[in-house]
Amino acid sequence: MIVTPIDTGSIGRINMPELAVRETTQTGPAFMQMLGSAVGELNGSVVDADASIRALAAGENVSVQDVMIEMEHAHLELQFAVEVRNRVVDAYQNLTNMQL
């Protein structure tokens, strides 16, 4: 059995467009802008809940149900923000502990 060597000059480059690195253009808001707006919304929710509690305590015509709904809404938003922060910190720690 005779094995003929392969001529590497005759093998062309394989084009794989789905794996090609594409230049990304920034069409959406920057990460810091999104983060800032999310923190702003969270702050607004907490401020609204605080204002409702103060109005209820001052004896204004505010229903207890509305105050509880605003408080729970602010609490859930805060829990979500804390969980996102925890996940980001965990991902960062995983990246820094990777061996190259």
PDB file of N, CA and C in Angstrom:
ATOM      1  N   MET A   1       0.841  -1.161   0.000  1.00  0.00           N
ATOM      2  CA  MET A   1       0.000   0.000   0.000  1.00  0.00           C
ATOM      3  C   MET A   1       0.893   1.232   0.000  1.00  0.00           C
ATOM      4  N   ILE A   2       0.652   2.110  -0.930  1.00  0.00           N
ATOM      5  CA  ILE A   2       1.443   3.316  -1.076  1.00  0.00           C
ATOM      6  C   ILE A   2       0.596   4.511  -0.635  1.00  0.00           C
ATOM      7  N   VAL A   3       1.170   5.301   0.254  1.00  0.00           N
ATOM      8  CA  VAL A   3       0.487   6.489   0.754  1.00  0.00           C
ATOM      9  C   VAL A   3       1.116   7.698   0.095  1.00  0.00           C
ATOM     10  N   THR A   4       0.298   8.497  -0.566  1.00  0.00           N
ATOM     11  CA  THR A   4       0.829   9.692  -1.202  1.00  0.00           C
ATOM     12  C   THR A   4       0.638  10.878  -0.251  1.00  0.00           C
ATOM     13  N   PRO A   5       1.647  11.702  -0.112  1.00  0.00           N
ATOM     14  CA  PRO A   5       1.532  12.853   0.787  1.00  0.00           C
ATOM     15  C   PRO A   5       0.553  13.895   0.224  1.00  0.00           C
ATOM     16  N   ILE A   6      -0.056  14.618   1.122  1.00  0.00           N
ATOM     17  CA  ILE A   6      -1.002  15.662   0.735  1.00  0.00           C
ATOM     18  C   ILE A   6      -0.230  16.950   0.524  1.00  0.00           C
ATOM     19  N   ASP A   7      -0.517  17.595  -0.584  1.00  0.00           N
ATOM     20  CA  ASP A   7       0.115  18.870  -0.898  1.00  0.00           C
ATOM     21  C   ASP A   7      -0.667  19.968  -0.171  1.00  0.00           C
ATOM     22  N   THR A   8      -0.058  20.578   0.834  1.00  0.00           N
ATOM     23  CA  THR A   8      -0.749  21.591   1.619  1.00  0.00           C
ATOM     24  C   THR A   8      -0.986  22.865   0.830  1.00  0.00           C
ATOM     25  N   GLY A   9      -0.280  23.072  -0.237  1.00  0.00           N
ATOM     26  CA  GLY A   9      -0.481  24.261  -1.061  1.00  0.00           C
ATOM     27  C   GLY A   9      -1.795  24.208  -1.821  1.00  0.00           C
ATOM     28  N   SER A  10      -2.311  23.011  -2.047  1.00  0.00           N
ATOM     29  CA  SER A  10      -3.558  22.889  -2.803  1.00  0.00           C
ATOM     30  C   SER A  10      -4.797  23.028  -1.915  1.00  0.00           C
ATOM     31  N   ILE A  11      -4.604  22.995  -0.597  1.00  0.00           N
ATOM     32  CA  ILE A  11      -5.730  23.137   0.318  1.00  0.00           C
ATOM     33  C   ILE A  11      -5.946  24.618   0.576  1.00  0.00           C
ATOM     34  N   GLY A  12      -7.117  25.076   0.247  1.00  0.00           N
ATOM     35  CA  GLY A  12      -7.436  26.485   0.451  1.00  0.00           C
ATOM     36  C   GLY A  12      -7.957  26.716   1.866  1.00  0.00           C
ATOM     37  N   ARG A  13      -8.147  27.962   2.158  1.00  0.00           N
ATOM     38  CA  ARG A  13      -8.672  28.330   3.471  1.00  0.00           C
ATOM     39  C   ARG A  13     -10.167  28.058   3.495  1.00  0.00           C
ATOM     40  N   ILE A  14     -10.641  27.516   4.604  1.00  0.00           N
ATOM     41  CA  ILE A  14     -12.063  27.242   4.759  1.00  0.00           C
ATOM     42  C   ILE A  14     -12.726  28.483   5.338  1.00  0.00           C
ATOM     43  N   ASN A  15     -13.709  28.969   4.637  1.00  0.00           N
ATOM     44  CA  ASN A  15     -14.440  30.147   5.106  1.00  0.00           C
ATOM     45  C   ASN A  15     -15.648  29.695   5.915  1.00  0.00           C
ATOM     46  N   MET A  16     -15.738  30.196   7.126  1.00  0.00           N
ATOM     47  CA  MET A  16     -16.861  29.877   7.988  1.00  0.00           C
ATOM     48  C   MET A  16     -17.476  31.198   8.429  1.00  0.00           C
ATOM     49  N   PRO A  17     -18.403  31.737   7.646  1.00  0.00           N
ATOM     50  CA  PRO A  17     -18.930  33.067   7.971  1.00  0.00           C
ATOM     51  C   PRO A  17     -19.674  33.116   9.299  1.00  0.00           C
ATOM     52  N   GLU A  18     -20.275  32.008   9.731  1.00  0.00           N
ATOM     53  CA  GLU A  18     -21.004  32.048  10.996  1.00  0.00           C
ATOM     54  C   GLU A  18     -20.068  32.164  12.193  1.00  0.00           C
ATOM     55  N   LEU A  19     -18.803  31.824  12.011  1.00  0.00           N
ATOM     56  CA  LEU A  19     -17.838  31.929  13.097  1.00  0.00           C
ATOM     57  C   LEU A  19     -16.949  33.163  12.971  1.00  0.00           C
ATOM     58  N   ALA A  20     -17.143  33.909  11.912  1.00  0.00           N
ATOM     59  CA  ALA A  20     -16.296  35.084  11.689  1.00  0.00           C
ATOM     60  C   ALA A  20     -16.592  36.143  12.744  1.00  0.00           C
ATOM     61  N   VAL A  21     -15.570  36.861  13.103  1.00  0.00           N
ATOM     62  CA  VAL A  21     -15.729  37.936  14.074  1.00  0.00           C
ATOM     63  C   VAL A  21     -16.325  39.126  13.351  1.00  0.00           C
ATOM     64  N   ARG A  22     -17.438  39.553  13.848  1.00  0.00           N
ATOM     65  CA  ARG A  22     -18.103  40.689  13.230  1.00  0.00           C
ATOM     66  C   ARG A  22     -17.871  41.929  14.075  1.00  0.00           C
ATOM     67  N   GLU A  23     -17.760  43.040  13.391  1.00  0.00           N
ATOM     68  CA  GLU A  23     -17.592  44.308  14.094  1.00  0.00           C
ATOM     69  C   GLU A  23     -18.951  44.711  14.655  1.00  0.00           C
ATOM     70  N   THR A  24     -18.964  45.023  15.925  1.00  0.00           N
ATOM     71  CA  THR A  24     -20.229  45.391  16.546  1.00  0.00           C
ATOM     72  C   THR A  24     -20.370  46.902  16.539  1.00  0.00           C
ATOM     73  N   THR A  25     -21.564  47.333  16.267  1.00  0.00           N
ATOM     74  CA  THR A  25     -21.860  48.755  16.351  1.00  0.00           C
ATOM     75  C   THR A  25     -22.797  48.956  17.519  1.00  0.00           C
ATOM     76  N   GLN A  26     -22.607  50.003  18.206  1.00  0.00           N
ATOM     77  CA  GLN A  26     -23.406  50.263  19.390  1.00  0.00           C
ATOM     78  C   GLN A  26     -24.680  50.985  18.971  1.00  0.00           C
ATOM     79  N   THR A  27     -25.801  50.258  19.012  1.00  0.00           N
ATOM     80  CA  THR A  27     -27.069  50.853  18.618  1.00  0.00           C
ATOM     81  C   THR A  27     -27.933  51.170  19.832  1.00  0.00           C
ATOM     82  N   GLY A  28     -27.698  50.497  20.936  1.00  0.00           N
ATOM     83  CA  GLY A  28     -28.499  50.713  22.131  1.00  0.00           C
ATOM     84  C   GLY A  28     -27.763  51.584  23.133  1.00  0.00           C
ATOM     85  N   PRO A  29     -28.401  51.789  24.281  1.00  0.00           N
ATOM     86  CA  PRO A  29     -27.745  52.595  25.316  1.00  0.00           C
ATOM     87  C   PRO A  29     -26.555  51.863  25.922  1.00  0.00           C
ATOM     88  N   ALA A  30     -25.635  52.602  26.434  1.00  0.00           N
ATOM     89  CA  ALA A  30     -24.450  52.024  27.059  1.00  0.00           C
ATOM     90  C   ALA A  30     -24.844  51.337  28.367  1.00  0.00           C
ATOM     91  N   PHE A  31     -24.006  50.430  28.804  1.00  0.00           N
ATOM     92  CA  PHE A  31     -24.289  49.664  30.021  1.00  0.00           C
ATOM     93  C   PHE A  31     -24.448  50.583  31.229  1.00  0.00           C
ATOM     94  N   MET A  32     -23.597  51.566  31.347  1.00  0.00           N
ATOM     95  CA  MET A  32     -23.673  52.469  32.492  1.00  0.00           C
ATOM     96  C   MET A  32     -24.960  53.294  32.468  1.00  0.00           C
ATOM     97  N   GLN A  33     -25.436  53.647  31.280  1.00  0.00           N
ATOM     98  CA  GLN A  33     -26.696  54.379  31.188  1.00  0.00           C
ATOM     99  C   GLN A  33     -27.860  53.497  31.618  1.00  0.00           C
ATOM    100  N   MET A  34     -27.852  52.230  31.182  1.00  0.00           N
ATOM    101  CA  MET A  34     -28.906  51.306  31.586  1.00  0.00           C
ATOM    102  C   MET A  34     -28.877  51.072  33.084  1.00  0.00           C
ATOM    103  N   LEU A  35     -27.689  50.915  33.634  1.00  0.00           N
ATOM    104  CA  LEU A  35     -27.544  50.701  35.067  1.00  0.00           C
ATOM    105  C   LEU A  35     -28.019  51.928  35.842  1.00  0.00           C
ATOM    106  N   GLY A  36     -27.657  53.099  35.371  1.00  0.00           N
ATOM    107  CA  GLY A  36     -28.079  54.330  36.031  1.00  0.00           C
ATOM    108  C   GLY A  36     -29.588  54.514  36.004  1.00  0.00           C
ATOM    109  N   SER A  37     -30.204  54.197  34.875  1.00  0.00           N
ATOM    110  CA  SER A  37     -31.663  54.345  34.800  1.00  0.00           C
ATOM    111  C   SER A  37     -32.365  53.315  35.680  1.00  0.00           C
ATOM    112  N   ALA A  38     -31.818  52.092  35.777  1.00  0.00           N
ATOM    113  CA  ALA A  38     -32.414  51.069  36.642  1.00  0.00           C
ATOM    114  C   ALA A  38     -32.312  51.474  38.110  1.00  0.00           C
ATOM    115  N   VAL A  39     -31.176  52.023  38.500  1.00  0.00           N
ATOM    116  CA  VAL A  39     -31.015  52.483  39.882  1.00  0.00           C
ATOM    117  C   VAL A  39     -31.936  53.672  40.149  1.00  0.00           C
ATOM    118  N   GLY A  40     -32.101  54.527  39.171  1.00  0.00           N
ATOM    119  CA  GLY A  40     -33.016  55.656  39.309  1.00  0.00           C
ATOM    120  C   GLY A  40     -34.466  55.209  39.492  1.00  0.00           C
ATOM    121  N   GLU A  41     -34.879  54.199  38.720  1.00  0.00           N
ATOM    122  CA  GLU A  41     -36.227  53.660  38.866  1.00  0.00           C
ATOM    123  C   GLU A  41     -36.414  53.019  40.237  1.00  0.00           C
ATOM    124  N   LEU A  42     -35.404  52.298  40.699  1.00  0.00           N
ATOM    125  CA  LEU A  42     -35.470  51.675  42.021  1.00  0.00           C
ATOM    126  C   LEU A  42     -35.594  52.747  43.102  1.00  0.00           C
ATOM    127  N   ASN A  43     -34.806  53.793  42.988  1.00  0.00           N
ATOM    128  CA  ASN A  43     -34.871  54.883  43.951  1.00  0.00           C
ATOM    129  C   ASN A  43     -36.243  55.548  43.932  1.00  0.00           C
ATOM    130  N   GLY A  44     -36.797  55.761  42.748  1.00  0.00           N
ATOM    131  CA  GLY A  44     -38.121  56.358  42.636  1.00  0.00           C
ATOM    132  C   GLY A  44     -39.195  55.501  43.287  1.00  0.00           C
ATOM    133  N   SER A  45     -39.082  54.202  43.124  1.00  0.00           N
ATOM    134  CA  SER A  45     -40.042  53.292  43.736  1.00  0.00           C
ATOM    135  C   SER A  45     -39.963  53.338  45.260  1.00  0.00           C
ATOM    136  N   VAL A  46     -38.749  53.384  45.792  1.00  0.00           N
ATOM    137  CA  VAL A  46     -38.570  53.452  47.247  1.00  0.00           C
ATOM    138  C   VAL A  46     -39.065  54.796  47.780  1.00  0.00           C
ATOM    139  N   VAL A  47     -38.800  55.871  47.057  1.00  0.00           N
ATOM    140  CA  VAL A  47     -39.258  57.203  47.478  1.00  0.00           C
ATOM    141  C   VAL A  47     -40.788  57.268  47.462  1.00  0.00           C
ATOM    142  N   ASP A  48     -41.417  56.685  46.442  1.00  0.00           N
ATOM    143  CA  ASP A  48     -42.878  56.672  46.377  1.00  0.00           C
ATOM    144  C   ASP A  48     -43.480  55.889  47.538  1.00  0.00           C
ATOM    145  N   ALA A  49     -42.882  54.741  47.855  1.00  0.00           N
ATOM    146  CA  ALA A  49     -43.371  53.942  48.977  1.00  0.00           C
ATOM    147  C   ALA A  49     -43.210  54.711  50.288  1.00  0.00           C
ATOM    148  N   ASP A  50     -42.102  55.393  50.441  1.00  0.00           N
ATOM    149  CA  ASP A  50     -41.864  56.180  51.656  1.00  0.00           C
ATOM    150  C   ASP A  50     -42.868  57.322  51.773  1.00  0.00           C
ATOM    151  N   ALA A  51     -43.158  57.972  50.650  1.00  0.00           N
ATOM    152  CA  ALA A  51     -44.133  59.061  50.666  1.00  0.00           C
ATOM    153  C   ALA A  51     -45.520  58.545  51.024  1.00  0.00           C
ATOM    154  N   SER A  52     -45.870  57.354  50.548  1.00  0.00           N
ATOM    155  CA  SER A  52     -47.171  56.767  50.884  1.00  0.00           C
ATOM    156  C   SER A  52     -47.257  56.438  52.362  1.00  0.00           C
ATOM    157  N   ILE A  53     -46.183  55.906  52.908  1.00  0.00           N
ATOM    158  CA  ILE A  53     -46.165  55.575  54.342  1.00  0.00           C
ATOM    159  C   ILE A  53     -46.305  56.842  55.175  1.00  0.00           C
ATOM    160  N   ARG A  54     -45.574  57.888  54.787  1.00  0.00           N
ATOM    161  CA  ARG A  54     -45.656  59.156  55.531  1.00  0.00           C
ATOM    162  C   ARG A  54     -47.058  59.760  55.443  1.00  0.00           C
ATOM    163  N   ALA A  55     -47.684  59.659  54.265  1.00  0.00           N
ATOM    164  CA  ALA A  55     -49.039  60.188  54.105  1.00  0.00           C
ATOM    165  C   ALA A  55     -50.029  59.409  54.964  1.00  0.00           C
ATOM    166  N   LEU A  56     -49.858  58.101  55.033  1.00  0.00           N
ATOM    167  CA  LEU A  56     -50.737  57.292  55.869  1.00  0.00           C
ATOM    168  C   LEU A  56     -50.538  57.625  57.342  1.00  0.00           C
ATOM    169  N   ALA A  57     -49.295  57.794  57.741  1.00  0.00           N
ATOM    170  CA  ALA A  57     -48.995  58.115  59.139  1.00  0.00           C
ATOM    171  C   ALA A  57     -49.495  59.513  59.511  1.00  0.00           C
ATOM    172  N   ALA A  58     -49.542  60.416  58.540  1.00  0.00           N
ATOM    173  CA  ALA A  58     -50.010  61.779  58.808  1.00  0.00           C
ATOM    174  C   ALA A  58     -51.530  61.862  58.841  1.00  0.00           C
ATOM    175  N   GLY A  59     -52.205  60.770  58.511  1.00  0.00           N
ATOM    176  CA  GLY A  59     -53.659  60.757  58.563  1.00  0.00           C
ATOM    177  C   GLY A  59     -54.330  61.215  57.301  1.00  0.00           C
ATOM    178  N   GLU A  60     -53.590  61.292  56.218  1.00  0.00           N
ATOM    179  CA  GLU A  60     -54.184  61.691  54.950  1.00  0.00           C
ATOM    180  C   GLU A  60     -55.066  60.564  54.415  1.00  0.00           C
ATOM    181  N   ASN A  61     -55.874  60.901  53.413  1.00  0.00           N
ATOM    182  CA  ASN A  61     -56.815  59.946  52.853  1.00  0.00           C
ATOM    183  C   ASN A  61     -56.085  59.013  51.875  1.00  0.00           C
ATOM    184  N   VAL A  62     -55.364  58.037  52.422  1.00  0.00           N
ATOM    185  CA  VAL A  62     -54.628  57.059  51.630  1.00  0.00           C
ATOM    186  C   VAL A  62     -55.054  55.683  52.102  1.00  0.00           C
ATOM    187  N   SER A  63     -55.384  54.813  51.155  1.00  0.00           N
ATOM    188  CA  SER A  63     -55.824  53.482  51.578  1.00  0.00           C
ATOM    189  C   SER A  63     -54.625  52.632  51.988  1.00  0.00           C
ATOM    190  N   VAL A  64     -54.851  51.799  52.973  1.00  0.00           N
ATOM    191  CA  VAL A  64     -53.793  50.930  53.481  1.00  0.00           C
ATOM    192  C   VAL A  64     -53.359  49.945  52.403  1.00  0.00           C
ATOM    193  N   GLN A  65     -54.306  49.504  51.581  1.00  0.00           N
ATOM    194  CA  GLN A  65     -53.980  48.547  50.525  1.00  0.00           C
ATOM    195  C   GLN A  65     -53.003  49.149  49.515  1.00  0.00           C
ATOM    196  N   ASP A  66     -53.225  50.407  49.142  1.00  0.00           N
ATOM    197  CA  ASP A  66     -52.326  51.059  48.189  1.00  0.00           C
ATOM    198  C   ASP A  66     -50.921  51.219  48.772  1.00  0.00           C
ATOM    199  N   VAL A  67     -50.854  51.548  50.053  1.00  0.00           N
ATOM    200  CA  VAL A  67     -49.557  51.693  50.716  1.00  0.00           C
ATOM    201  C   VAL A  67     -48.833  50.350  50.742  1.00  0.00           C
ATOM    202  N   MET A  68     -49.555  49.292  51.079  1.00  0.00           N
ATOM    203  CA  MET A  68     -48.935  47.961  51.130  1.00  0.00           C
ATOM    204  C   MET A  68     -48.475  47.506  49.752  1.00  0.00           C
ATOM    205  N   ILE A  69     -49.260  47.817  48.728  1.00  0.00           N
ATOM    206  CA  ILE A  69     -48.871  47.446  47.362  1.00  0.00           C
ATOM    207  C   ILE A  69     -47.608  48.195  46.953  1.00  0.00           C
ATOM    208  N   GLU A  70     -47.534  49.479  47.247  1.00  0.00           N
ATOM    209  CA  GLU A  70     -46.330  50.248  46.905  1.00  0.00           C
ATOM    210  C   GLU A  70     -45.116  49.761  47.686  1.00  0.00           C
ATOM    211  N   MET A  71     -45.330  49.423  48.962  1.00  0.00           N
ATOM    212  CA  MET A  71     -44.212  48.912  49.763  1.00  0.00           C
ATOM    213  C   MET A  71     -43.721  47.571  49.216  1.00  0.00           C
ATOM    214  N   GLU A  72     -44.635  46.686  48.860  1.00  0.00           N
ATOM    215  CA  GLU A  72     -44.242  45.380  48.331  1.00  0.00           C
ATOM    216  C   GLU A  72     -43.559  45.520  46.974  1.00  0.00           C
ATOM    217  N   HIS A  73     -44.047  46.447  46.168  1.00  0.00           N
ATOM    218  CA  HIS A  73     -43.427  46.694  44.865  1.00  0.00           C
ATOM    219  C   HIS A  73     -41.981  47.175  45.045  1.00  0.00           C
ATOM    220  N   ALA A  74     -41.786  48.113  45.942  1.00  0.00           N
ATOM    221  CA  ALA A  74     -40.432  48.615  46.207  1.00  0.00           C
ATOM    222  C   ALA A  74     -39.549  47.519  46.787  1.00  0.00           C
ATOM    223  N   HIS A  75     -40.120  46.686  47.660  1.00  0.00           N
ATOM    224  CA  HIS A  75     -39.355  45.595  48.267  1.00  0.00           C
ATOM    225  C   HIS A  75     -38.921  44.580  47.211  1.00  0.00           C
ATOM    226  N   LEU A  76     -39.811  44.229  46.293  1.00  0.00           N
ATOM    227  CA  LEU A  76     -39.457  43.277  45.234  1.00  0.00           C
ATOM    228  C   LEU A  76     -38.409  43.838  44.287  1.00  0.00           C
ATOM    229  N   GLU A  77     -38.538  45.122  43.958  1.00  0.00           N
ATOM    230  CA  GLU A  77     -37.521  45.740  43.103  1.00  0.00           C
ATOM    231  C   GLU A  77     -36.159  45.750  43.784  1.00  0.00           C
ATOM    232  N   LEU A  78     -36.134  46.022  45.077  1.00  0.00           N
ATOM    233  CA  LEU A  78     -34.874  46.027  45.820  1.00  0.00           C
ATOM    234  C   LEU A  78     -34.277  44.625  45.897  1.00  0.00           C
ATOM    235  N   GLN A  79     -35.115  43.617  46.132  1.00  0.00           N
ATOM    236  CA  GLN A  79     -34.629  42.235  46.160  1.00  0.00           C
ATOM    237  C   GLN A  79     -34.043  41.838  44.811  1.00  0.00           C
ATOM    238  N   PHE A  80     -34.716  42.235  43.739  1.00  0.00           N
ATOM    239  CA  PHE A  80     -34.224  41.927  42.397  1.00  0.00           C
ATOM    240  C   PHE A  80     -32.872  42.581  42.151  1.00  0.00           C
ATOM    241  N   ALA A  81     -32.734  43.845  42.541  1.00  0.00           N
ATOM    242  CA  ALA A  81     -31.466  44.553  42.342  1.00  0.00           C
ATOM    243  C   ALA A  81     -30.337  43.899  43.138  1.00  0.00           C
ATOM    244  N   VAL A  82     -30.639  43.478  44.358  1.00  0.00           N
ATOM    245  CA  VAL A  82     -29.618  42.822  45.180  1.00  0.00           C
ATOM    246  C   VAL A  82     -29.220  41.488  44.559  1.00  0.00           C
ATOM    247  N   GLU A  83     -30.185  40.744  44.035  1.00  0.00           N
ATOM    248  CA  GLU A  83     -29.875  39.454  43.417  1.00  0.00           C
ATOM    249  C   GLU A  83     -29.056  39.627  42.144  1.00  0.00           C
ATOM    250  N   VAL A  84     -29.375  40.646  41.361  1.00  0.00           N
ATOM    251  CA  VAL A  84     -28.579  40.921  40.155  1.00  0.00           C
ATOM    252  C   VAL A  84     -27.154  41.283  40.551  1.00  0.00           C
ATOM    253  N   ARG A  85     -27.015  42.113  41.592  1.00  0.00           N
ATOM    254  CA  ARG A  85     -25.674  42.473  42.070  1.00  0.00           C
ATOM    255  C   ARG A  85     -24.919  41.234  42.530  1.00  0.00           C
ATOM    256  N   ASN A  86     -25.593  40.342  43.247  1.00  0.00           N
ATOM    257  CA  ASN A  86     -24.939  39.124  43.714  1.00  0.00           C
ATOM    258  C   ASN A  86     -24.470  38.267  42.544  1.00  0.00           C
ATOM    259  N   ARG A  87     -25.301  38.165  41.508  1.00  0.00           N
ATOM    260  CA  ARG A  87     -24.921  37.357  40.338  1.00  0.00           C
ATOM    261  C   ARG A  87     -23.742  37.975  39.599  1.00  0.00           C
ATOM    262  N   VAL A  88     -23.727  39.300  39.487  1.00  0.00           N
ATOM    263  CA  VAL A  88     -22.617  39.973  38.803  1.00  0.00           C
ATOM    264  C   VAL A  88     -21.320  39.787  39.591  1.00  0.00           C
ATOM    265  N   VAL A  89     -21.386  39.923  40.897  1.00  0.00           N
ATOM    266  CA  VAL A  89     -20.195  39.727  41.734  1.00  0.00           C
ATOM    267  C   VAL A  89     -19.714  38.287  41.637  1.00  0.00           C
ATOM    268  N   ASP A  90     -20.634  37.336  41.643  1.00  0.00           N
ATOM    269  CA  ASP A  90     -20.266  35.921  41.532  1.00  0.00           C
ATOM    270  C   ASP A  90     -19.611  35.629  40.176  1.00  0.00           C
ATOM    271  N   ALA A  91     -20.164  36.201  39.098  1.00  0.00           N
ATOM    272  CA  ALA A  91     -19.573  36.013  37.775  1.00  0.00           C
ATOM    273  C   ALA A  91     -18.179  36.623  37.712  1.00  0.00           C
ATOM    274  N   TYR A  92     -18.004  37.790  38.318  1.00  0.00           N
ATOM    275  CA  TYR A  92     -16.691  38.434  38.337  1.00  0.00           C
ATOM    276  C   TYR A  92     -15.687  37.571  39.100  1.00  0.00           C
ATOM    277  N   GLN A  93     -16.104  37.018  40.230  1.00  0.00           N
ATOM    278  CA  GLN A  93     -15.209  36.171  41.001  1.00  0.00           C
ATOM    279  C   GLN A  93     -14.855  34.903  40.247  1.00  0.00           C
ATOM    280  N   ASN A  94     -15.823  34.347  39.514  1.00  0.00           N
ATOM    281  CA  ASN A  94     -15.522  33.169  38.700  1.00  0.00           C
ATOM    282  C   ASN A  94     -14.520  33.492  37.604  1.00  0.00           C
ATOM    283  N   LEU A  95     -14.644  34.657  37.003  1.00  0.00           N
ATOM    284  CA  LEU A  95     -13.701  35.050  35.952  1.00  0.00           C
ATOM    285  C   LEU A  95     -12.302  35.287  36.520  1.00  0.00           C
ATOM    286  N   THR A  96     -12.222  35.899  37.682  1.00  0.00           N
ATOM    287  CA  THR A  96     -10.904  36.169  38.241  1.00  0.00           C
ATOM    288  C   THR A  96     -10.231  34.900  38.761  1.00  0.00           C
ATOM    289  N   ASN A  97     -11.010  33.883  39.102  1.00  0.00           N
ATOM    290  CA  ASN A  97     -10.433  32.639  39.595  1.00  0.00           C
ATOM    291  C   ASN A  97     -10.122  31.635  38.498  1.00  0.00           C
ATOM    292  N   MET A  98     -10.422  31.971  37.252  1.00  0.00           N
ATOM    293  CA  MET A  98     -10.140  31.064  36.141  1.00  0.00           C
ATOM    294  C   MET A  98      -8.643  30.934  35.919  1.00  0.00           C
ATOM    295  N   GLN A  99      -8.247  29.729  35.620  1.00  0.00           N
ATOM    296  CA  GLN A  99      -6.835  29.521  35.286  1.00  0.00           C
ATOM    297  C   GLN A  99      -6.683  29.623  33.773  1.00  0.00           C
ATOM    298  N   LEU A 100      -5.687  30.344  33.360  1.00  0.00           N
ATOM    299  CA  LEU A 100      -5.453  30.501  31.920  1.00  0.00           C
ATOM    300  C   LEU A 100      -4.395  29.562  31.452  1.00  0.00           C
TER     301      LEU A 100
END
